[in-house]
Amino acid sequence: MEAQKLLDALADSPVIAAVKNDGELERALESDVAVLFLLYGTLVSLPELTRRVHDAGKLAFVHLDLVEGLAAREVAVDFVRANTAADGVISTKANLTRRARELGLVAIQRYFLLDSRALHALEQQFHPANADVVEVLPGLMPKIIAREAARIGVPVIAGGLIRDKEDVTGALSAGAVAVSSTNPDVWNM
């Protein structure tokens, strides 16, 4: 899948449902969101979870770091590519997002910007060849989002602590192409 397909979906529907269990998955599948982040699953359940997302006409992204049974090794990406309907992956590990791009999956590299040291790591270590999109957490930092969206050369998704319409519009106004949220109330905004 090309990153442009993701960006086109987000242009029409800039809120991403990030789901952590089957109940949330059901709600997200019934919502208006076009993109789902699967923040749970097992090696065994992942093929079925991604199929269900596709059957609902939505794009499926698997958070590799959170799937039970997958190791932080490139073979985990190979497994997802060969055995699931995932459109892409999310990871904090550059070697995994880089491998995803090599295999034709959309790669989202996640950064937790908890302090100036973490921000410095993003600024020094991120390379556009490693990921198609960067997700920054928490997503309530409009000045940081604006600066990094302009600087890193790839689209930015704001995630974490997004709770209401003001949070969504603030992140989007700052330059994020989308927001991800585990809050079902946000999914239908």
C-alpha atoms as a PDB file:
ATOM      1  CA  MET A   1       0.000   0.000   0.000  1.00  0.00           C
ATOM      2  CA  GLU A   2       1.211   3.456  -0.786  1.00  0.00           C
ATOM      3  CA  ALA A   3       1.365   6.077   1.919  1.00  0.00           C
ATOM      4  CA  GLN A   4      -0.745   8.295  -0.344  1.00  0.00           C
ATOM      5  CA  LYS A   5      -3.732   5.969   0.142  1.00  0.00           C
ATOM      6  CA  LEU A   6      -3.462   6.535   3.900  1.00  0.00           C
ATOM      7  CA  LEU A   7      -3.104  10.292   3.466  1.00  0.00           C
ATOM      8  CA  ASP A   8      -6.137  10.374   1.155  1.00  0.00           C
ATOM      9  CA  ALA A   9      -8.213   8.474   3.722  1.00  0.00           C
ATOM     10  CA  LEU A  10      -7.059  10.847   6.474  1.00  0.00           C
ATOM     11  CA  ALA A  11      -7.870  13.912   4.367  1.00  0.00           C
ATOM     12  CA  ASP A  12     -11.501  12.773   4.344  1.00  0.00           C
ATOM     13  CA  SER A  13     -11.536  11.421   7.914  1.00  0.00           C
ATOM     14  CA  PRO A  14      -8.678  12.785  10.078  1.00  0.00           C
ATOM     15  CA  VAL A  15      -9.561  10.892  13.250  1.00  0.00           C
ATOM     16  CA  ILE A  16      -8.025   7.438  13.697  1.00  0.00           C
ATOM     17  CA  ALA A  17      -9.615   4.898  16.037  1.00  0.00           C
ATOM     18  CA  ALA A  18      -6.934   3.286  18.183  1.00  0.00           C
ATOM     19  CA  VAL A  19      -8.438   0.107  19.644  1.00  0.00           C
ATOM     20  CA  LYS A  20      -7.208  -1.986  22.578  1.00  0.00           C
ATOM     21  CA  ASN A  21      -9.774  -4.802  22.725  1.00  0.00           C
ATOM     22  CA  ASP A  22     -12.592  -6.549  20.852  1.00  0.00           C
ATOM     23  CA  GLY A  23     -15.317  -4.286  22.273  1.00  0.00           C
ATOM     24  CA  GLU A  24     -13.548  -1.161  21.066  1.00  0.00           C
ATOM     25  CA  LEU A  25     -12.925  -2.830  17.717  1.00  0.00           C
ATOM     26  CA  GLU A  26     -16.677  -3.406  17.294  1.00  0.00           C
ATOM     27  CA  ARG A  27     -17.421   0.253  18.061  1.00  0.00           C
ATOM     28  CA  ALA A  28     -14.707   1.435  15.684  1.00  0.00           C
ATOM     29  CA  LEU A  29     -15.952  -0.802  12.878  1.00  0.00           C
ATOM     30  CA  GLU A  30     -19.394   0.792  13.239  1.00  0.00           C
ATOM     31  CA  SER A  31     -17.986   4.340  13.382  1.00  0.00           C
ATOM     32  CA  ASP A  32     -17.238   6.750  10.554  1.00  0.00           C
ATOM     33  CA  VAL A  33     -13.448   6.478  10.901  1.00  0.00           C
ATOM     34  CA  ALA A  34     -11.547   5.263   7.864  1.00  0.00           C
ATOM     35  CA  VAL A  35      -8.385   4.120   9.645  1.00  0.00           C
ATOM     36  CA  LEU A  36      -7.889   1.840  12.658  1.00  0.00           C
ATOM     37  CA  PHE A  37      -4.798   1.315  14.756  1.00  0.00           C
ATOM     38  CA  LEU A  38      -4.825  -2.155  16.310  1.00  0.00           C
ATOM     39  CA  LEU A  39      -3.106  -1.768  19.686  1.00  0.00           C
ATOM     40  CA  TYR A  40      -3.748  -5.347  20.721  1.00  0.00           C
ATOM     41  CA  GLY A  41      -3.919  -8.881  19.437  1.00  0.00           C
ATOM     42  CA  THR A  42      -1.885 -12.022  19.329  1.00  0.00           C
ATOM     43  CA  LEU A  43       0.052 -13.809  16.685  1.00  0.00           C
ATOM     44  CA  VAL A  44      -2.977 -16.085  16.288  1.00  0.00           C
ATOM     45  CA  SER A  45      -5.719 -13.405  16.228  1.00  0.00           C
ATOM     46  CA  LEU A  46      -3.996 -10.806  14.057  1.00  0.00           C
ATOM     47  CA  PRO A  47      -4.993 -12.237  10.650  1.00  0.00           C
ATOM     48  CA  GLU A  48      -8.671 -12.287  11.667  1.00  0.00           C
ATOM     49  CA  LEU A  49      -8.561  -8.809  13.240  1.00  0.00           C
ATOM     50  CA  THR A  50      -7.086  -7.219  10.127  1.00  0.00           C
ATOM     51  CA  ARG A  51      -9.548  -9.088   7.891  1.00  0.00           C
ATOM     52  CA  ARG A  52     -12.469  -7.729   9.912  1.00  0.00           C
ATOM     53  CA  VAL A  53     -11.148  -4.186   9.541  1.00  0.00           C
ATOM     54  CA  HIS A  54     -10.841  -4.619   5.781  1.00  0.00           C
ATOM     55  CA  ASP A  55     -14.265  -6.214   5.522  1.00  0.00           C
ATOM     56  CA  ALA A  56     -15.638  -3.022   7.077  1.00  0.00           C
ATOM     57  CA  GLY A  57     -13.931  -0.990   4.330  1.00  0.00           C
ATOM     58  CA  LYS A  58     -11.315   0.533   6.614  1.00  0.00           C
ATOM     59  CA  LEU A  59      -7.519   0.593   6.655  1.00  0.00           C
ATOM     60  CA  ALA A  60      -5.763  -1.542   9.299  1.00  0.00           C
ATOM     61  CA  PHE A  61      -2.489  -0.659  11.003  1.00  0.00           C
ATOM     62  CA  VAL A  62      -0.872  -3.065  13.461  1.00  0.00           C
ATOM     63  CA  HIS A  63       1.158  -1.755  16.380  1.00  0.00           C
ATOM     64  CA  LEU A  64       3.973  -4.315  16.300  1.00  0.00           C
ATOM     65  CA  ASP A  65       5.237  -3.459  19.786  1.00  0.00           C
ATOM     66  CA  LEU A  66       1.864  -4.402  21.327  1.00  0.00           C
ATOM     67  CA  VAL A  67       1.005  -7.679  19.574  1.00  0.00           C
ATOM     68  CA  GLU A  68       1.523 -10.652  21.841  1.00  0.00           C
ATOM     69  CA  GLY A  69       3.881 -13.192  20.312  1.00  0.00           C
ATOM     70  CA  LEU A  70       5.782 -10.824  18.016  1.00  0.00           C
ATOM     71  CA  ALA A  71       9.377  -9.970  18.812  1.00  0.00           C
ATOM     72  CA  ALA A  72      11.071  -6.663  17.999  1.00  0.00           C
ATOM     73  CA  ARG A  73      12.737  -8.237  14.983  1.00  0.00           C
ATOM     74  CA  GLU A  74      12.321  -7.752  11.282  1.00  0.00           C
ATOM     75  CA  VAL A  75      10.775 -11.198  10.920  1.00  0.00           C
ATOM     76  CA  ALA A  76       7.732  -9.835  12.794  1.00  0.00           C
ATOM     77  CA  VAL A  77       7.151  -7.429   9.902  1.00  0.00           C
ATOM     78  CA  ASP A  78       7.633 -10.280   7.443  1.00  0.00           C
ATOM     79  CA  PHE A  79       4.950 -12.237   9.320  1.00  0.00           C
ATOM     80  CA  VAL A  80       2.482  -9.344   9.233  1.00  0.00           C
ATOM     81  CA  ARG A  81       3.078  -8.824   5.501  1.00  0.00           C
ATOM     82  CA  ALA A  82       2.703 -12.507   4.626  1.00  0.00           C
ATOM     83  CA  ASN A  83      -0.149 -13.490   6.942  1.00  0.00           C
ATOM     84  CA  THR A  84      -2.445 -10.522   7.533  1.00  0.00           C
ATOM     85  CA  ALA A  85      -4.486  -7.934   5.669  1.00  0.00           C
ATOM     86  CA  ALA A  86      -2.653  -5.062   7.411  1.00  0.00           C
ATOM     87  CA  ASP A  87      -2.070  -1.946   5.343  1.00  0.00           C
ATOM     88  CA  GLY A  88       0.803  -0.925   7.541  1.00  0.00           C
ATOM     89  CA  VAL A  89       2.519  -1.087  10.879  1.00  0.00           C
ATOM     90  CA  ILE A  90       3.309   1.156  13.821  1.00  0.00           C
ATOM     91  CA  SER A  91       6.418   0.815  15.954  1.00  0.00           C
ATOM     92  CA  THR A  92       8.816   2.796  18.080  1.00  0.00           C
ATOM     93  CA  LYS A  93      11.653   0.836  16.475  1.00  0.00           C
ATOM     94  CA  ALA A  94      13.221   2.238  13.317  1.00  0.00           C
ATOM     95  CA  ASN A  95      14.465  -1.162  12.124  1.00  0.00           C
ATOM     96  CA  LEU A  96      10.860  -2.420  12.036  1.00  0.00           C
ATOM     97  CA  THR A  97       9.424   0.595  10.229  1.00  0.00           C
ATOM     98  CA  ARG A  98      12.293   0.524   7.751  1.00  0.00           C
ATOM     99  CA  ARG A  99      11.596  -3.175   7.047  1.00  0.00           C
ATOM    100  CA  ALA A 100       7.900  -2.438   6.611  1.00  0.00           C
ATOM    101  CA  ARG A 101       8.692   0.116   3.913  1.00  0.00           C
ATOM    102  CA  GLU A 102      10.953  -2.405   2.175  1.00  0.00           C
ATOM    103  CA  LEU A 103       8.015  -4.843   2.079  1.00  0.00           C
ATOM    104  CA  GLY A 104       5.519  -2.296   0.749  1.00  0.00           C
ATOM    105  CA  LEU A 105       3.661  -1.659   3.992  1.00  0.00           C
ATOM    106  CA  VAL A 106       3.011   1.865   5.213  1.00  0.00           C
ATOM    107  CA  ALA A 107       5.310   2.512   8.161  1.00  0.00           C
ATOM    108  CA  ILE A 108       4.376   4.741  11.087  1.00  0.00           C
ATOM    109  CA  GLN A 109       7.150   5.425  13.574  1.00  0.00           C
ATOM    110  CA  ARG A 110       5.867   6.387  17.016  1.00  0.00           C
ATOM    111  CA  TYR A 111       7.699   8.783  19.325  1.00  0.00           C
ATOM    112  CA  PHE A 112       6.830   9.500  22.950  1.00  0.00           C
ATOM    113  CA  LEU A 113       7.862  13.123  23.454  1.00  0.00           C
ATOM    114  CA  LEU A 114       7.906  13.186  27.219  1.00  0.00           C
ATOM    115  CA  ASP A 115      10.763  15.628  27.713  1.00  0.00           C
ATOM    116  CA  SER A 116      13.459  17.586  25.883  1.00  0.00           C
ATOM    117  CA  ARG A 117      15.678  14.506  25.696  1.00  0.00           C
ATOM    118  CA  ALA A 118      12.996  12.564  23.802  1.00  0.00           C
ATOM    119  CA  LEU A 119      12.434  15.516  21.478  1.00  0.00           C
ATOM    120  CA  HIS A 120      16.179  15.709  20.845  1.00  0.00           C
ATOM    121  CA  ALA A 121      16.170  11.980  19.977  1.00  0.00           C
ATOM    122  CA  LEU A 122      13.450  12.547  17.382  1.00  0.00           C
ATOM    123  CA  GLU A 123      15.334  15.470  15.910  1.00  0.00           C
ATOM    124  CA  GLN A 124      18.674  13.630  15.800  1.00  0.00           C
ATOM    125  CA  GLN A 125      17.649  10.058  15.022  1.00  0.00           C
ATOM    126  CA  PHE A 126      14.622  10.203  12.734  1.00  0.00           C
ATOM    127  CA  HIS A 127      15.355   9.703   9.083  1.00  0.00           C
ATOM    128  CA  PRO A 128      12.601   9.980   6.435  1.00  0.00           C
ATOM    129  CA  ALA A 129      13.781   6.710   4.855  1.00  0.00           C
ATOM    130  CA  ASN A 130      12.683   4.868   8.009  1.00  0.00           C
ATOM    131  CA  ALA A 131       8.984   5.754   7.990  1.00  0.00           C
ATOM    132  CA  ASP A 132       6.214   7.208   5.855  1.00  0.00           C
ATOM    133  CA  VAL A 133       4.547   8.937   8.805  1.00  0.00           C
ATOM    134  CA  VAL A 134       5.531   9.884  12.361  1.00  0.00           C
ATOM    135  CA  GLU A 135       3.111   9.678  15.262  1.00  0.00           C
ATOM    136  CA  VAL A 136       3.947  11.917  18.218  1.00  0.00           C
ATOM    137  CA  LEU A 137       2.553  11.390  21.688  1.00  0.00           C
ATOM    138  CA  PRO A 138       1.117  13.124  23.575  1.00  0.00           C
ATOM    139  CA  GLY A 139      -0.809  14.931  20.873  1.00  0.00           C
ATOM    140  CA  LEU A 140      -1.569  18.041  22.930  1.00  0.00           C
ATOM    141  CA  MET A 141       1.556  19.996  21.996  1.00  0.00           C
ATOM    142  CA  PRO A 142       0.665  22.335  19.124  1.00  0.00           C
ATOM    143  CA  LYS A 143       3.997  24.190  19.107  1.00  0.00           C
ATOM    144  CA  ILE A 144       5.978  20.940  18.976  1.00  0.00           C
ATOM    145  CA  ILE A 145       3.649  19.435  16.355  1.00  0.00           C
ATOM    146  CA  ALA A 146       3.979  22.535  14.163  1.00  0.00           C
ATOM    147  CA  ARG A 147       7.772  22.616  14.439  1.00  0.00           C
ATOM    148  CA  GLU A 148       8.290  18.895  13.841  1.00  0.00           C
ATOM    149  CA  ALA A 149       5.728  18.670  11.029  1.00  0.00           C
ATOM    150  CA  ALA A 150       7.665  21.383   9.202  1.00  0.00           C
ATOM    151  CA  ARG A 151      11.103  19.975  10.030  1.00  0.00           C
ATOM    152  CA  ILE A 152      11.043  16.192   9.589  1.00  0.00           C
ATOM    153  CA  GLY A 153       9.738  15.971   6.046  1.00  0.00           C
ATOM    154  CA  VAL A 154       6.993  13.373   6.593  1.00  0.00           C
ATOM    155  CA  PRO A 155       3.377  13.734   7.734  1.00  0.00           C
ATOM    156  CA  VAL A 156       2.719  13.796  11.476  1.00  0.00           C
ATOM    157  CA  ILE A 157      -0.120  12.153  13.398  1.00  0.00           C
ATOM    158  CA  ALA A 158      -0.869  13.441  16.900  1.00  0.00           C
ATOM    159  CA  GLY A 159      -1.879  10.780  19.408  1.00  0.00           C
ATOM    160  CA  GLY A 160      -2.351  10.357  23.105  1.00  0.00           C
ATOM    161  CA  LEU A 161      -4.604  12.334  25.433  1.00  0.00           C
ATOM    162  CA  ILE A 162      -6.854  13.494  22.571  1.00  0.00           C
ATOM    163  CA  ARG A 163     -10.210  13.781  24.363  1.00  0.00           C
ATOM    164  CA  ASP A 164     -12.437  16.376  22.690  1.00  0.00           C
ATOM    165  CA  LYS A 165     -13.045  18.497  19.609  1.00  0.00           C
ATOM    166  CA  GLU A 166     -10.723  21.245  20.855  1.00  0.00           C
ATOM    167  CA  ASP A 167      -7.849  18.723  21.078  1.00  0.00           C
ATOM    168  CA  VAL A 168      -8.588  17.466  17.566  1.00  0.00           C
ATOM    169  CA  THR A 169      -8.783  20.912  15.981  1.00  0.00           C
ATOM    170  CA  GLY A 170      -5.713  22.110  17.898  1.00  0.00           C
ATOM    171  CA  ALA A 171      -3.566  19.240  16.606  1.00  0.00           C
ATOM    172  CA  LEU A 172      -4.871  19.540  13.045  1.00  0.00           C
ATOM    173  CA  SER A 173      -4.409  23.334  13.048  1.00  0.00           C
ATOM    174  CA  ALA A 174      -0.827  22.832  14.232  1.00  0.00           C
ATOM    175  CA  GLY A 175      -0.007  20.733  11.174  1.00  0.00           C
ATOM    176  CA  ALA A 176      -0.886  17.152  12.077  1.00  0.00           C
ATOM    177  CA  VAL A 177      -2.544  15.274   9.206  1.00  0.00           C
ATOM    178  CA  ALA A 178      -4.638  13.309  11.706  1.00  0.00           C
ATOM    179  CA  VAL A 179      -5.143  12.425  15.333  1.00  0.00           C
ATOM    180  CA  SER A 180      -5.330   8.974  16.845  1.00  0.00           C
ATOM    181  CA  SER A 181      -7.426   8.313  19.902  1.00  0.00           C
ATOM    182  CA  THR A 182      -8.586   5.418  22.039  1.00  0.00           C
ATOM    183  CA  ASN A 183     -11.595   7.518  23.086  1.00  0.00           C
ATOM    184  CA  PRO A 184     -14.715   6.340  21.198  1.00  0.00           C
ATOM    185  CA  ASP A 185     -16.348   9.757  21.709  1.00  0.00           C
ATOM    186  CA  VAL A 186     -13.622  11.290  19.547  1.00  0.00           C
ATOM    187  CA  TRP A 187     -14.040   8.819  16.692  1.00  0.00           C
ATOM    188  CA  ASN A 188     -17.283  10.365  15.407  1.00  0.00           C
ATOM    189  CA  MET A 189     -16.220  14.014  15.507  1.00  0.00           C
END
